[in-house]
Amino acid sequence: MKNAIVMAAGKGTRMHSDQPKVLHRILDEPMAGLIVNNLKKAGAERIVSIVGYGHELVEAALAGTCEFAVQEPQLGTGHAVMQARQLETEKGLTVVVNGDGPCVRPETYARLYEALEHAEMAIMTAVPEYDNRFGRVIRGADGSVEKIVEYKDCTEEERAVKETNMGFYAFRNELLFEGLKELTNNNAQHEYYITDLVEIFIRHGYKVAAVQVEDCMEVQGVNDNIELARASAYLQQRINTGLMASGVTMVDPNTAYIGPYVTIGHDVVIHPNVCLYGNTKIEDGAVILPGSYLRDALVGQGETIGPNVYSVPTED
């Protein structure tokens, strides 16, 4: 059994918004929804989202796609995972992911699961190019992972380490819940850190593997509206590049905004300033003229749409 826990309880104060951070949208889809969908593509059969601030809104947005557990009060990442009690007796593998990492590919989540073929725990690491205030991955002389130290708790020597923890983990499920019982809040924030499980697992003789990701932007979290825009531009470019490689012509890819669930055939021409969202389907040979906004629409084979068309589903 492959399980997943999504940490989605925070408000996201730097967003300066009343809306829970995980519901802010990228290409017109809530971040948490993108994450749950990609976890399923990676093989997750049971997903629990840990919710807190505005949990009613998050539960409504994700209804029918996963299970929920409420974290109240919010006492750290380790405490968040403790709330997924419905998974405590499950067998198999469990990944734990951030609810504000909307660009992670299913293939990358799958690498975490695969790392457990030869380890009991796995962490995802990277070497970010900017604003590196993440926990540092400390390795031994033989290159094995020894511990993760949160940035606020790092010594100057530890802060000089470039490899950082990106907040995505995998565990053998039974060992995860055993390890959670040993967590303490003896740190600068007085919180229960999931990262402390590294030392706990090693102390018990378990192996901790590191899965390093080369593309830092893929695993970058979203903490404010600047990072939201950056993640949106990254995902836009990734989607558009894939579509063009499959036979879609884009007059100006920078002004074509295409959601992750849109399907487009070959020999389609998309003109500038076009938004295609939801479950829109564009069949072979269609032309989308400038200024068109389509959501959950069907454009037939060889059909021309626009210019300046606005089409969204109507409520009955």
C-alpha atoms as a PDB file:
ATOM      1  CA  MET A   1       0.000   0.000   0.000  1.00  0.00           C
ATOM      2  CA  LYS A   2       1.293   3.438  -0.940  1.00  0.00           C
ATOM      3  CA  ASN A   3       0.057   6.246   1.315  1.00  0.00           C
ATOM      4  CA  ALA A   4       0.632   9.991   1.367  1.00  0.00           C
ATOM      5  CA  ILE A   5       0.299  12.763   3.939  1.00  0.00           C
ATOM      6  CA  VAL A   6      -0.052  16.360   2.725  1.00  0.00           C
ATOM      7  CA  MET A   7       0.862  19.046   5.260  1.00  0.00           C
ATOM      8  CA  ALA A   8      -1.682  21.753   4.493  1.00  0.00           C
ATOM      9  CA  ALA A   9      -2.566  23.304   7.847  1.00  0.00           C
ATOM     10  CA  GLY A  10      -0.823  26.682   7.703  1.00  0.00           C
ATOM     11  CA  LYS A  11      -2.368  30.056   7.017  1.00  0.00           C
ATOM     12  CA  GLY A  12       0.585  31.401   5.058  1.00  0.00           C
ATOM     13  CA  THR A  13       0.895  34.790   6.746  1.00  0.00           C
ATOM     14  CA  ARG A  14       3.248  36.153   4.071  1.00  0.00           C
ATOM     15  CA  MET A  15       0.466  35.793   1.501  1.00  0.00           C
ATOM     16  CA  HIS A  16      -1.403  38.582   3.352  1.00  0.00           C
ATOM     17  CA  SER A  17      -4.654  36.829   2.567  1.00  0.00           C
ATOM     18  CA  ASP A  18      -7.660  35.484   4.455  1.00  0.00           C
ATOM     19  CA  GLN A  19      -7.584  32.427   2.204  1.00  0.00           C
ATOM     20  CA  PRO A  20      -5.582  29.354   3.296  1.00  0.00           C
ATOM     21  CA  LYS A  21      -2.245  29.317   1.500  1.00  0.00           C
ATOM     22  CA  VAL A  22      -2.792  25.914  -0.116  1.00  0.00           C
ATOM     23  CA  LEU A  23      -5.898  27.182  -1.912  1.00  0.00           C
ATOM     24  CA  HIS A  24      -4.084  29.930  -3.784  1.00  0.00           C
ATOM     25  CA  ARG A  25      -4.263  29.096  -7.455  1.00  0.00           C
ATOM     26  CA  ILE A  26      -1.713  28.297 -10.134  1.00  0.00           C
ATOM     27  CA  LEU A  27      -3.052  28.173 -13.684  1.00  0.00           C
ATOM     28  CA  ASP A  28      -6.506  28.413 -12.096  1.00  0.00           C
ATOM     29  CA  GLU A  29      -6.074  25.308  -9.930  1.00  0.00           C
ATOM     30  CA  PRO A  30      -5.578  25.319  -6.126  1.00  0.00           C
ATOM     31  CA  MET A  31      -2.062  24.303  -5.129  1.00  0.00           C
ATOM     32  CA  ALA A  32      -3.286  21.520  -2.844  1.00  0.00           C
ATOM     33  CA  GLY A  33      -5.372  20.045  -5.656  1.00  0.00           C
ATOM     34  CA  LEU A  34      -2.351  19.871  -7.959  1.00  0.00           C
ATOM     35  CA  ILE A  35      -0.382  18.069  -5.253  1.00  0.00           C
ATOM     36  CA  VAL A  36      -3.082  15.489  -4.519  1.00  0.00           C
ATOM     37  CA  ASN A  37      -3.514  14.802  -8.239  1.00  0.00           C
ATOM     38  CA  ASN A  38       0.214  14.277  -8.782  1.00  0.00           C
ATOM     39  CA  LEU A  39       0.466  12.013  -5.739  1.00  0.00           C
ATOM     40  CA  LYS A  40      -2.229   9.805  -7.250  1.00  0.00           C
ATOM     41  CA  LYS A  41      -0.320   9.693 -10.533  1.00  0.00           C
ATOM     42  CA  ALA A  42       2.712   8.567  -8.507  1.00  0.00           C
ATOM     43  CA  GLY A  43       0.721   5.636  -7.163  1.00  0.00           C
ATOM     44  CA  ALA A  44      -0.608   6.914  -3.823  1.00  0.00           C
ATOM     45  CA  GLU A  45      -3.685   4.890  -2.947  1.00  0.00           C
ATOM     46  CA  ARG A  46      -4.614   6.616   0.307  1.00  0.00           C
ATOM     47  CA  ILE A  47      -3.980  10.325   0.890  1.00  0.00           C
ATOM     48  CA  VAL A  48      -4.566  12.261   4.118  1.00  0.00           C
ATOM     49  CA  SER A  49      -4.387  16.075   4.049  1.00  0.00           C
ATOM     50  CA  ILE A  50      -3.523  17.664   7.387  1.00  0.00           C
ATOM     51  CA  VAL A  51      -5.627  20.819   7.600  1.00  0.00           C
ATOM     52  CA  GLY A  52      -5.835  23.624  10.133  1.00  0.00           C
ATOM     53  CA  TYR A  53      -6.415  27.254   9.258  1.00  0.00           C
ATOM     54  CA  GLY A  54      -9.610  27.577   7.223  1.00  0.00           C
ATOM     55  CA  HIS A  55      -9.936  23.801   7.211  1.00  0.00           C
ATOM     56  CA  GLU A  56     -13.581  23.947   6.131  1.00  0.00           C
ATOM     57  CA  LEU A  57     -12.535  25.735   2.932  1.00  0.00           C
ATOM     58  CA  VAL A  58      -9.712  23.285   2.223  1.00  0.00           C
ATOM     59  CA  GLU A  59     -11.956  20.284   2.873  1.00  0.00           C
ATOM     60  CA  ALA A  60     -14.601  21.690   0.512  1.00  0.00           C
ATOM     61  CA  ALA A  61     -12.038  22.335  -2.240  1.00  0.00           C
ATOM     62  CA  LEU A  62     -10.540  18.825  -1.975  1.00  0.00           C
ATOM     63  CA  ALA A  63     -13.748  16.944  -1.198  1.00  0.00           C
ATOM     64  CA  GLY A  64     -13.781  13.467  -2.699  1.00  0.00           C
ATOM     65  CA  THR A  65     -10.064  13.462  -3.543  1.00  0.00           C
ATOM     66  CA  CYS A  66      -8.527  12.601  -0.161  1.00  0.00           C
ATOM     67  CA  GLU A  67      -9.109  12.153   3.568  1.00  0.00           C
ATOM     68  CA  PHE A  68      -8.556  14.823   6.212  1.00  0.00           C
ATOM     69  CA  ALA A  69      -7.159  15.256   9.714  1.00  0.00           C
ATOM     70  CA  VAL A  70      -7.264  18.552  11.639  1.00  0.00           C
ATOM     71  CA  GLN A  71      -4.138  19.916  13.341  1.00  0.00           C
ATOM     72  CA  GLU A  72      -5.135  22.226  16.173  1.00  0.00           C
ATOM     73  CA  PRO A  73      -3.038  23.723  17.639  1.00  0.00           C
ATOM     74  CA  GLN A  74      -0.219  23.707  15.084  1.00  0.00           C
ATOM     75  CA  LEU A  75       2.953  22.586  16.827  1.00  0.00           C
ATOM     76  CA  GLY A  76       5.256  21.807  13.938  1.00  0.00           C
ATOM     77  CA  THR A  77       5.685  19.405  11.045  1.00  0.00           C
ATOM     78  CA  GLY A  78       6.133  16.330  13.209  1.00  0.00           C
ATOM     79  CA  HIS A  79       3.006  17.205  15.161  1.00  0.00           C
ATOM     80  CA  ALA A  80       1.145  17.582  11.848  1.00  0.00           C
ATOM     81  CA  VAL A  81       2.020  14.053  10.770  1.00  0.00           C
ATOM     82  CA  MET A  82       0.929  12.717  14.171  1.00  0.00           C
ATOM     83  CA  GLN A  83      -2.625  13.804  13.332  1.00  0.00           C
ATOM     84  CA  ALA A  84      -2.920  11.277  10.463  1.00  0.00           C
ATOM     85  CA  ARG A  85      -4.054   8.626  12.939  1.00  0.00           C
ATOM     86  CA  GLN A  86      -6.147   6.838  10.320  1.00  0.00           C
ATOM     87  CA  LEU A  87      -2.885   5.631   8.744  1.00  0.00           C
ATOM     88  CA  GLU A  88      -1.294   4.414  11.974  1.00  0.00           C
ATOM     89  CA  THR A  89      -2.100   0.731  11.403  1.00  0.00           C
ATOM     90  CA  GLU A  90      -1.526   0.729   7.635  1.00  0.00           C
ATOM     91  CA  LYS A  91       1.209  -1.373   6.085  1.00  0.00           C
ATOM     92  CA  GLY A  92       3.410  -0.223   3.255  1.00  0.00           C
ATOM     93  CA  LEU A  93       5.037   3.073   2.316  1.00  0.00           C
ATOM     94  CA  THR A  94       4.105   6.663   3.142  1.00  0.00           C
ATOM     95  CA  VAL A  95       5.350   9.902   1.600  1.00  0.00           C
ATOM     96  CA  VAL A  96       4.963  13.152   3.513  1.00  0.00           C
ATOM     97  CA  VAL A  97       4.838  16.283   1.382  1.00  0.00           C
ATOM     98  CA  ASN A  98       4.373  20.023   1.718  1.00  0.00           C
ATOM     99  CA  GLY A  99       1.019  21.480   0.704  1.00  0.00           C
ATOM    100  CA  ASP A 100       2.754  24.491  -0.856  1.00  0.00           C
ATOM    101  CA  GLY A 101       4.936  22.611  -3.363  1.00  0.00           C
ATOM    102  CA  PRO A 102       2.653  22.584  -6.421  1.00  0.00           C
ATOM    103  CA  CYS A 103       5.248  21.930  -9.118  1.00  0.00           C
ATOM    104  CA  VAL A 104       6.572  18.535  -8.016  1.00  0.00           C
ATOM    105  CA  ARG A 105       6.188  15.982 -10.796  1.00  0.00           C
ATOM    106  CA  PRO A 106       4.599  12.566 -10.200  1.00  0.00           C
ATOM    107  CA  GLU A 107       7.904  11.024 -11.284  1.00  0.00           C
ATOM    108  CA  THR A 108       9.692  12.818  -8.448  1.00  0.00           C
ATOM    109  CA  TYR A 109       7.215  11.564  -5.844  1.00  0.00           C
ATOM    110  CA  ALA A 110       7.705   8.096  -7.328  1.00  0.00           C
ATOM    111  CA  ARG A 111      11.461   8.386  -6.733  1.00  0.00           C
ATOM    112  CA  LEU A 112      10.769   8.808  -3.009  1.00  0.00           C
ATOM    113  CA  TYR A 113       8.725   5.622  -2.915  1.00  0.00           C
ATOM    114  CA  GLU A 114      11.417   3.793  -4.904  1.00  0.00           C
ATOM    115  CA  ALA A 115      14.148   4.937  -2.504  1.00  0.00           C
ATOM    116  CA  LEU A 116      12.538   2.778   0.186  1.00  0.00           C
ATOM    117  CA  GLU A 117      13.511  -0.382  -1.677  1.00  0.00           C
ATOM    118  CA  HIS A 118      16.882  -0.124   0.084  1.00  0.00           C
ATOM    119  CA  ALA A 119      16.119   2.184   3.040  1.00  0.00           C
ATOM    120  CA  GLU A 120      13.600   2.758   5.815  1.00  0.00           C
ATOM    121  CA  MET A 121      13.386   6.546   5.329  1.00  0.00           C
ATOM    122  CA  ALA A 122      14.140   8.891   2.439  1.00  0.00           C
ATOM    123  CA  ILE A 123      14.465  12.659   2.230  1.00  0.00           C
ATOM    124  CA  MET A 124      14.368  14.918  -0.811  1.00  0.00           C
ATOM    125  CA  THR A 125      17.269  17.338  -1.092  1.00  0.00           C
ATOM    126  CA  ALA A 126      18.442  20.070  -3.443  1.00  0.00           C
ATOM    127  CA  VAL A 127      20.930  22.922  -3.660  1.00  0.00           C
ATOM    128  CA  PRO A 128      18.743  26.049  -4.051  1.00  0.00           C
ATOM    129  CA  GLU A 129      20.079  28.969  -6.024  1.00  0.00           C
ATOM    130  CA  TYR A 130      18.637  31.689  -3.773  1.00  0.00           C
ATOM    131  CA  ASP A 131      17.185  32.461  -0.316  1.00  0.00           C
ATOM    132  CA  ASN A 132      18.566  29.281   1.169  1.00  0.00           C
ATOM    133  CA  ARG A 133      16.935  29.304   4.599  1.00  0.00           C
ATOM    134  CA  PHE A 134      16.008  25.657   4.611  1.00  0.00           C
ATOM    135  CA  GLY A 135      17.225  22.967   6.979  1.00  0.00           C
ATOM    136  CA  ARG A 136      20.719  21.698   6.214  1.00  0.00           C
ATOM    137  CA  VAL A 137      21.454  18.070   5.343  1.00  0.00           C
ATOM    138  CA  ILE A 138      24.440  16.994   7.414  1.00  0.00           C
ATOM    139  CA  ARG A 139      26.364  13.993   6.085  1.00  0.00           C
ATOM    140  CA  GLY A 140      29.046  11.838   7.659  1.00  0.00           C
ATOM    141  CA  ALA A 141      32.549  11.244   6.348  1.00  0.00           C
ATOM    142  CA  ASP A 142      31.258   8.351   4.265  1.00  0.00           C
ATOM    143  CA  GLY A 143      28.594  10.527   2.628  1.00  0.00           C
ATOM    144  CA  SER A 144      25.659   8.981   4.475  1.00  0.00           C
ATOM    145  CA  VAL A 145      22.917  11.212   5.887  1.00  0.00           C
ATOM    146  CA  GLU A 146      23.401  11.845   9.607  1.00  0.00           C
ATOM    147  CA  LYS A 147      20.810  14.501  10.419  1.00  0.00           C
ATOM    148  CA  ILE A 148      18.849  17.533   9.271  1.00  0.00           C
ATOM    149  CA  VAL A 149      19.265  20.763  11.208  1.00  0.00           C
ATOM    150  CA  GLU A 150      16.611  23.459  10.865  1.00  0.00           C
ATOM    151  CA  TYR A 151      18.077  26.777   9.696  1.00  0.00           C
ATOM    152  CA  LYS A 152      17.228  28.601  12.936  1.00  0.00           C
ATOM    153  CA  ASP A 153      19.052  25.921  14.928  1.00  0.00           C
ATOM    154  CA  CYS A 154      22.144  25.741  12.675  1.00  0.00           C
ATOM    155  CA  THR A 155      25.653  26.680  13.725  1.00  0.00           C
ATOM    156  CA  GLU A 156      27.610  28.883  11.330  1.00  0.00           C
ATOM    157  CA  GLU A 157      29.445  25.801  10.078  1.00  0.00           C
ATOM    158  CA  GLU A 158      26.179  23.996   9.389  1.00  0.00           C
ATOM    159  CA  ARG A 159      24.729  27.013   7.569  1.00  0.00           C
ATOM    160  CA  ALA A 160      27.675  26.866   5.183  1.00  0.00           C
ATOM    161  CA  VAL A 161      26.418  23.485   3.919  1.00  0.00           C
ATOM    162  CA  LYS A 162      24.720  23.906   0.518  1.00  0.00           C
ATOM    163  CA  GLU A 163      22.583  20.747   0.378  1.00  0.00           C
ATOM    164  CA  THR A 164      19.227  21.432   1.963  1.00  0.00           C
ATOM    165  CA  ASN A 165      16.119  19.563   2.975  1.00  0.00           C
ATOM    166  CA  MET A 166      13.194  20.439   0.702  1.00  0.00           C
ATOM    167  CA  GLY A 167      10.423  19.157   2.992  1.00  0.00           C
ATOM    168  CA  PHE A 168       9.465  15.914   1.221  1.00  0.00           C
ATOM    169  CA  TYR A 169       9.956  12.536   2.873  1.00  0.00           C
ATOM    170  CA  ALA A 170       9.188   8.847   2.574  1.00  0.00           C
ATOM    171  CA  PHE A 171       8.930   6.199   5.288  1.00  0.00           C
ATOM    172  CA  ARG A 172       8.049   2.616   5.895  1.00  0.00           C
ATOM    173  CA  ASN A 173       4.713   3.383   7.479  1.00  0.00           C
ATOM    174  CA  GLU A 174       4.967   1.255  10.644  1.00  0.00           C
ATOM    175  CA  LEU A 175       8.364   2.764  11.462  1.00  0.00           C
ATOM    176  CA  LEU A 176       7.088   6.295  10.835  1.00  0.00           C
ATOM    177  CA  PHE A 177       4.474   6.061  13.560  1.00  0.00           C
ATOM    178  CA  GLU A 178       6.875   4.363  15.950  1.00  0.00           C
ATOM    179  CA  GLY A 179       9.389   7.155  15.376  1.00  0.00           C
ATOM    180  CA  LEU A 180       6.806   9.881  15.924  1.00  0.00           C
ATOM    181  CA  LYS A 181       6.422   8.681  19.510  1.00  0.00           C
ATOM    182  CA  GLU A 182      10.038   9.650  20.167  1.00  0.00           C
ATOM    183  CA  LEU A 183       9.854  13.233  18.893  1.00  0.00           C
ATOM    184  CA  THR A 184      10.444  16.061  21.381  1.00  0.00           C
ATOM    185  CA  ASN A 185      10.131  19.844  21.086  1.00  0.00           C
ATOM    186  CA  ASN A 186      13.558  20.693  22.490  1.00  0.00           C
ATOM    187  CA  ASN A 187      14.490  23.337  19.887  1.00  0.00           C
ATOM    188  CA  ALA A 188      14.389  27.078  19.255  1.00  0.00           C
ATOM    189  CA  GLN A 189      10.754  26.999  18.110  1.00  0.00           C
ATOM    190  CA  HIS A 190       9.531  24.526  20.743  1.00  0.00           C
ATOM    191  CA  GLU A 191       7.926  22.511  17.959  1.00  0.00           C
ATOM    192  CA  TYR A 192       7.950  18.862  16.919  1.00  0.00           C
ATOM    193  CA  TYR A 193      10.102  18.634  13.788  1.00  0.00           C
ATOM    194  CA  ILE A 194       9.629  15.790  11.338  1.00  0.00           C
ATOM    195  CA  THR A 195      13.310  16.273  10.458  1.00  0.00           C
ATOM    196  CA  ASP A 196      14.312  14.874  13.874  1.00  0.00           C
ATOM    197  CA  LEU A 197      13.151  11.478  12.615  1.00  0.00           C
ATOM    198  CA  VAL A 198      16.430  11.217  10.686  1.00  0.00           C
ATOM    199  CA  GLU A 199      18.466  10.890  13.883  1.00  0.00           C
ATOM    200  CA  ILE A 200      15.812   8.695  15.487  1.00  0.00           C
ATOM    201  CA  PHE A 201      15.847   6.266  12.559  1.00  0.00           C
ATOM    202  CA  ILE A 202      19.650   6.175  12.443  1.00  0.00           C
ATOM    203  CA  ARG A 203      19.800   5.550  16.195  1.00  0.00           C
ATOM    204  CA  HIS A 204      17.640   2.470  15.656  1.00  0.00           C
ATOM    205  CA  GLY A 205      19.961   1.223  12.927  1.00  0.00           C
ATOM    206  CA  TYR A 206      17.721   2.140   9.992  1.00  0.00           C
ATOM    207  CA  LYS A 207      19.051   3.550   6.733  1.00  0.00           C
ATOM    208  CA  VAL A 208      18.096   7.063   5.619  1.00  0.00           C
ATOM    209  CA  ALA A 209      18.462   7.695   1.875  1.00  0.00           C
ATOM    210  CA  ALA A 210      18.694  11.064   0.131  1.00  0.00           C
ATOM    211  CA  VAL A 211      16.956  11.726  -3.182  1.00  0.00           C
ATOM    212  CA  GLN A 212      18.594  14.786  -4.710  1.00  0.00           C
ATOM    213  CA  VAL A 213      16.625  16.836  -7.229  1.00  0.00           C
ATOM    214  CA  GLU A 214      18.572  18.807  -9.835  1.00  0.00           C
ATOM    215  CA  ASP A 215      15.740  21.198 -10.762  1.00  0.00           C
ATOM    216  CA  CYS A 216      15.356  23.336  -7.642  1.00  0.00           C
ATOM    217  CA  MET A 217      12.318  25.163  -8.984  1.00  0.00           C
ATOM    218  CA  GLU A 218      10.360  21.922  -9.171  1.00  0.00           C
ATOM    219  CA  VAL A 219      10.520  21.459  -5.395  1.00  0.00           C
ATOM    220  CA  GLN A 220      10.430  25.124  -4.366  1.00  0.00           C
ATOM    221  CA  GLY A 221       7.764  26.030  -1.829  1.00  0.00           C
ATOM    222  CA  VAL A 222       5.365  28.971  -2.135  1.00  0.00           C
ATOM    223  CA  ASN A 223       5.382  31.347   0.820  1.00  0.00           C
ATOM    224  CA  ASP A 224       4.276  34.662  -0.695  1.00  0.00           C
ATOM    225  CA  ASN A 225       2.742  36.084  -3.848  1.00  0.00           C
ATOM    226  CA  ILE A 226       6.139  36.599  -5.452  1.00  0.00           C
ATOM    227  CA  GLU A 227       6.908  32.898  -5.125  1.00  0.00           C
ATOM    228  CA  LEU A 228       3.377  32.069  -6.288  1.00  0.00           C
ATOM    229  CA  ALA A 229       3.986  33.995  -9.508  1.00  0.00           C
ATOM    230  CA  ARG A 230       7.386  32.344  -9.909  1.00  0.00           C
ATOM    231  CA  ALA A 231       5.892  28.866  -9.511  1.00  0.00           C
ATOM    232  CA  SER A 232       3.086  29.709 -11.922  1.00  0.00           C
ATOM    233  CA  ALA A 233       5.545  30.877 -14.586  1.00  0.00           C
ATOM    234  CA  TYR A 234       7.640  27.744 -14.086  1.00  0.00           C
ATOM    235  CA  LEU A 235       4.659  25.411 -14.470  1.00  0.00           C
ATOM    236  CA  GLN A 236       3.365  27.417 -17.448  1.00  0.00           C
ATOM    237  CA  GLN A 237       6.685  27.015 -19.243  1.00  0.00           C
ATOM    238  CA  ARG A 238       6.859  23.292 -18.433  1.00  0.00           C
ATOM    239  CA  ILE A 239       3.345  22.614 -19.732  1.00  0.00           C
ATOM    240  CA  ASN A 240       3.758  24.745 -22.856  1.00  0.00           C
ATOM    241  CA  THR A 241       7.106  23.199 -23.726  1.00  0.00           C
ATOM    242  CA  GLY A 242       5.590  19.725 -23.518  1.00  0.00           C
ATOM    243  CA  LEU A 243       2.618  20.703 -25.685  1.00  0.00           C
ATOM    244  CA  MET A 244       4.764  22.304 -28.365  1.00  0.00           C
ATOM    245  CA  ALA A 245       6.968  19.209 -28.437  1.00  0.00           C
ATOM    246  CA  SER A 246       3.838  17.137 -29.120  1.00  0.00           C
ATOM    247  CA  GLY A 247       2.701  19.187 -32.105  1.00  0.00           C
ATOM    248  CA  VAL A 248       0.922  22.279 -30.751  1.00  0.00           C
ATOM    249  CA  THR A 249       1.865  25.630 -32.297  1.00  0.00           C
ATOM    250  CA  MET A 250       1.958  28.615 -29.926  1.00  0.00           C
ATOM    251  CA  VAL A 251       2.437  32.027 -31.505  1.00  0.00           C
ATOM    252  CA  ASP A 252       3.615  33.400 -28.135  1.00  0.00           C
ATOM    253  CA  PRO A 253       4.117  30.763 -25.414  1.00  0.00           C
ATOM    254  CA  ASN A 254       4.658  33.487 -22.816  1.00  0.00           C
ATOM    255  CA  THR A 255       1.024  34.597 -23.125  1.00  0.00           C
ATOM    256  CA  ALA A 256      -0.558  31.149 -23.407  1.00  0.00           C
ATOM    257  CA  TYR A 257      -1.868  30.007 -20.025  1.00  0.00           C
ATOM    258  CA  ILE A 258      -2.844  26.335 -20.118  1.00  0.00           C
ATOM    259  CA  GLY A 259      -3.925  24.376 -17.068  1.00  0.00           C
ATOM    260  CA  PRO A 260      -2.495  20.965 -16.149  1.00  0.00           C
ATOM    261  CA  TYR A 261      -5.719  19.067 -16.931  1.00  0.00           C
ATOM    262  CA  VAL A 262      -6.243  20.530 -20.417  1.00  0.00           C
ATOM    263  CA  THR A 263      -5.809  18.125 -23.345  1.00  0.00           C
ATOM    264  CA  ILE A 264      -4.796  19.374 -26.782  1.00  0.00           C
ATOM    265  CA  GLY A 265      -4.433  17.449 -30.036  1.00  0.00           C
ATOM    266  CA  HIS A 266      -1.868  17.971 -32.774  1.00  0.00           C
ATOM    267  CA  ASP A 267      -1.847  20.698 -35.450  1.00  0.00           C
ATOM    268  CA  VAL A 268      -3.583  23.065 -33.020  1.00  0.00           C
ATOM    269  CA  VAL A 269      -2.651  26.737 -33.255  1.00  0.00           C
ATOM    270  CA  ILE A 270      -2.882  28.895 -30.123  1.00  0.00           C
ATOM    271  CA  HIS A 271      -2.599  32.648 -30.601  1.00  0.00           C
ATOM    272  CA  PRO A 272      -1.424  35.173 -27.962  1.00  0.00           C
ATOM    273  CA  ASN A 273      -3.335  36.055 -24.782  1.00  0.00           C
ATOM    274  CA  VAL A 274      -5.212  32.775 -24.439  1.00  0.00           C
ATOM    275  CA  CYS A 275      -6.306  31.026 -21.221  1.00  0.00           C
ATOM    276  CA  LEU A 276      -7.342  27.363 -21.330  1.00  0.00           C
ATOM    277  CA  TYR A 277      -8.298  25.977 -17.930  1.00  0.00           C
ATOM    278  CA  GLY A 278     -10.096  23.152 -16.159  1.00  0.00           C
ATOM    279  CA  ASN A 279     -10.830  20.057 -18.231  1.00  0.00           C
ATOM    280  CA  THR A 280     -10.885  21.873 -21.559  1.00  0.00           C
ATOM    281  CA  LYS A 281     -10.306  19.637 -24.578  1.00  0.00           C
ATOM    282  CA  ILE A 282      -8.985  20.982 -27.886  1.00  0.00           C
ATOM    283  CA  GLU A 283      -9.194  18.507 -30.763  1.00  0.00           C
ATOM    284  CA  ASP A 284      -6.829  18.190 -33.744  1.00  0.00           C
ATOM    285  CA  GLY A 285      -6.495  21.109 -36.141  1.00  0.00           C
ATOM    286  CA  ALA A 286      -8.366  23.649 -33.994  1.00  0.00           C
ATOM    287  CA  VAL A 287      -7.362  27.314 -33.906  1.00  0.00           C
ATOM    288  CA  ILE A 288      -7.711  29.447 -30.758  1.00  0.00           C
ATOM    289  CA  LEU A 289      -7.626  33.138 -31.676  1.00  0.00           C
ATOM    290  CA  PRO A 290      -6.338  35.938 -29.391  1.00  0.00           C
ATOM    291  CA  GLY A 291      -8.155  36.902 -26.210  1.00  0.00           C
ATOM    292  CA  SER A 292      -9.976  33.586 -25.720  1.00  0.00           C
ATOM    293  CA  TYR A 293     -10.746  32.314 -22.198  1.00  0.00           C
ATOM    294  CA  LEU A 294     -12.071  28.753 -22.024  1.00  0.00           C
ATOM    295  CA  ARG A 295     -12.786  26.608 -18.982  1.00  0.00           C
ATOM    296  CA  ASP A 296     -14.140  23.033 -19.192  1.00  0.00           C
ATOM    297  CA  ALA A 297     -14.849  23.643 -22.877  1.00  0.00           C
ATOM    298  CA  LEU A 298     -14.764  21.332 -25.895  1.00  0.00           C
ATOM    299  CA  VAL A 299     -13.329  22.673 -29.144  1.00  0.00           C
ATOM    300  CA  GLY A 300     -13.998  20.301 -32.018  1.00  0.00           C
ATOM    301  CA  GLN A 301     -11.687  19.105 -34.745  1.00  0.00           C
ATOM    302  CA  GLY A 302     -10.728  21.926 -37.129  1.00  0.00           C
ATOM    303  CA  GLU A 303     -12.878  24.450 -35.252  1.00  0.00           C
ATOM    304  CA  THR A 304     -11.810  28.094 -34.898  1.00  0.00           C
ATOM    305  CA  ILE A 305     -12.599  29.902 -31.629  1.00  0.00           C
ATOM    306  CA  GLY A 306     -12.409  33.640 -31.047  1.00  0.00           C
ATOM    307  CA  PRO A 307     -11.131  36.207 -31.023  1.00  0.00           C
ATOM    308  CA  ASN A 308     -12.156  37.460 -27.575  1.00  0.00           C
ATOM    309  CA  VAL A 309     -14.325  34.512 -26.523  1.00  0.00           C
ATOM    310  CA  TYR A 310     -15.252  33.873 -22.889  1.00  0.00           C
ATOM    311  CA  SER A 311     -16.603  30.398 -22.218  1.00  0.00           C
ATOM    312  CA  VAL A 312     -17.128  28.806 -18.800  1.00  0.00           C
ATOM    313  CA  PRO A 313     -19.641  26.204 -17.598  1.00  0.00           C
ATOM    314  CA  THR A 314     -22.986  27.629 -16.549  1.00  0.00           C
ATOM    315  CA  GLU A 315     -24.631  26.588 -13.293  1.00  0.00           C
ATOM    316  CA  ASP A 316     -28.015  24.906 -13.602  1.00  0.00           C
END
